[in-house]
Amino acid sequence: MTFNIQALLDSLPVMGYGMLGIFMVIVTMAVLIKLLNAVFPEDKKKM
């Protein structure tokens, strides 16, 4: 079994795009949650 350095270097941009996509989804979800909390605040008189 050999370690192909060129294959590793060729796959780095693909891994980068995947990690960037995951990061963008997490940021988008966090922003949407903040927006929903601002639009629909929690009732303080539940109890």
C-alpha atoms as a PDB file:
ATOM      1  CA  MET A   1       0.000   0.000   0.000  1.00  0.00           C
ATOM      2  CA  THR A   2       1.422   3.351  -1.005  1.00  0.00           C
ATOM      3  CA  PHE A   3       0.559   6.847   0.127  1.00  0.00           C
ATOM      4  CA  ASN A   4      -0.312   9.033  -2.856  1.00  0.00           C
ATOM      5  CA  ILE A   5       0.556  12.633  -1.946  1.00  0.00           C
ATOM      6  CA  GLN A   6      -0.897  13.991  -5.202  1.00  0.00           C
ATOM      7  CA  ALA A   7      -4.284  12.389  -4.506  1.00  0.00           C
ATOM      8  CA  LEU A   8      -4.275  13.979  -1.059  1.00  0.00           C
ATOM      9  CA  LEU A   9      -3.468  17.401  -2.482  1.00  0.00           C
ATOM     10  CA  ASP A  10      -6.157  16.990  -5.160  1.00  0.00           C
ATOM     11  CA  SER A  11      -8.792  16.152  -2.533  1.00  0.00           C
ATOM     12  CA  LEU A  12      -8.068  19.146  -0.254  1.00  0.00           C
ATOM     13  CA  PRO A  13     -10.219  21.632  -2.245  1.00  0.00           C
ATOM     14  CA  VAL A  14     -13.147  19.199  -2.171  1.00  0.00           C
ATOM     15  CA  MET A  15     -12.793  18.814   1.606  1.00  0.00           C
ATOM     16  CA  GLY A  16     -12.548  22.590   1.931  1.00  0.00           C
ATOM     17  CA  TYR A  17     -15.791  23.127   0.005  1.00  0.00           C
ATOM     18  CA  GLY A  18     -17.530  20.530   2.147  1.00  0.00           C
ATOM     19  CA  MET A  19     -16.358  22.106   5.396  1.00  0.00           C
ATOM     20  CA  LEU A  20     -17.313  25.567   4.126  1.00  0.00           C
ATOM     21  CA  GLY A  21     -20.779  24.278   3.249  1.00  0.00           C
ATOM     22  CA  ILE A  22     -21.277  22.800   6.715  1.00  0.00           C
ATOM     23  CA  PHE A  23     -20.078  26.044   8.332  1.00  0.00           C
ATOM     24  CA  MET A  24     -22.459  28.125   6.200  1.00  0.00           C
ATOM     25  CA  VAL A  25     -25.431  25.913   7.136  1.00  0.00           C
ATOM     26  CA  ILE A  26     -24.605  26.217  10.854  1.00  0.00           C
ATOM     27  CA  VAL A  27     -24.269  30.022  10.605  1.00  0.00           C
ATOM     28  CA  THR A  28     -27.525  30.281   8.631  1.00  0.00           C
ATOM     29  CA  MET A  29     -29.387  28.213  11.221  1.00  0.00           C
ATOM     30  CA  ALA A  30     -27.982  30.314  14.091  1.00  0.00           C
ATOM     31  CA  VAL A  31     -29.055  33.545  12.368  1.00  0.00           C
ATOM     32  CA  LEU A  32     -32.545  32.169  11.689  1.00  0.00           C
ATOM     33  CA  ILE A  33     -32.930  31.078  15.318  1.00  0.00           C
ATOM     34  CA  LYS A  34     -31.881  34.545  16.536  1.00  0.00           C
ATOM     35  CA  LEU A  35     -34.360  36.127  14.093  1.00  0.00           C
ATOM     36  CA  LEU A  36     -37.210  33.859  15.207  1.00  0.00           C
ATOM     37  CA  ASN A  37     -36.455  34.617  18.860  1.00  0.00           C
ATOM     38  CA  ALA A  38     -36.608  38.337  18.099  1.00  0.00           C
ATOM     39  CA  VAL A  39     -39.884  38.060  16.158  1.00  0.00           C
ATOM     40  CA  PHE A  40     -41.577  35.641  18.576  1.00  0.00           C
ATOM     41  CA  PRO A  41     -40.288  36.367  22.096  1.00  0.00           C
ATOM     42  CA  GLU A  42     -40.942  33.848  24.869  1.00  0.00           C
ATOM     43  CA  ASP A  43     -43.834  34.626  27.229  1.00  0.00           C
ATOM     44  CA  LYS A  44     -42.616  35.477  30.729  1.00  0.00           C
ATOM     45  CA  LYS A  45     -46.028  34.728  32.354  1.00  0.00           C
ATOM     46  CA  LYS A  46     -46.214  30.987  31.572  1.00  0.00           C
ATOM     47  CA  MET A  47     -46.267  29.927  35.225  1.00  0.00           C
END
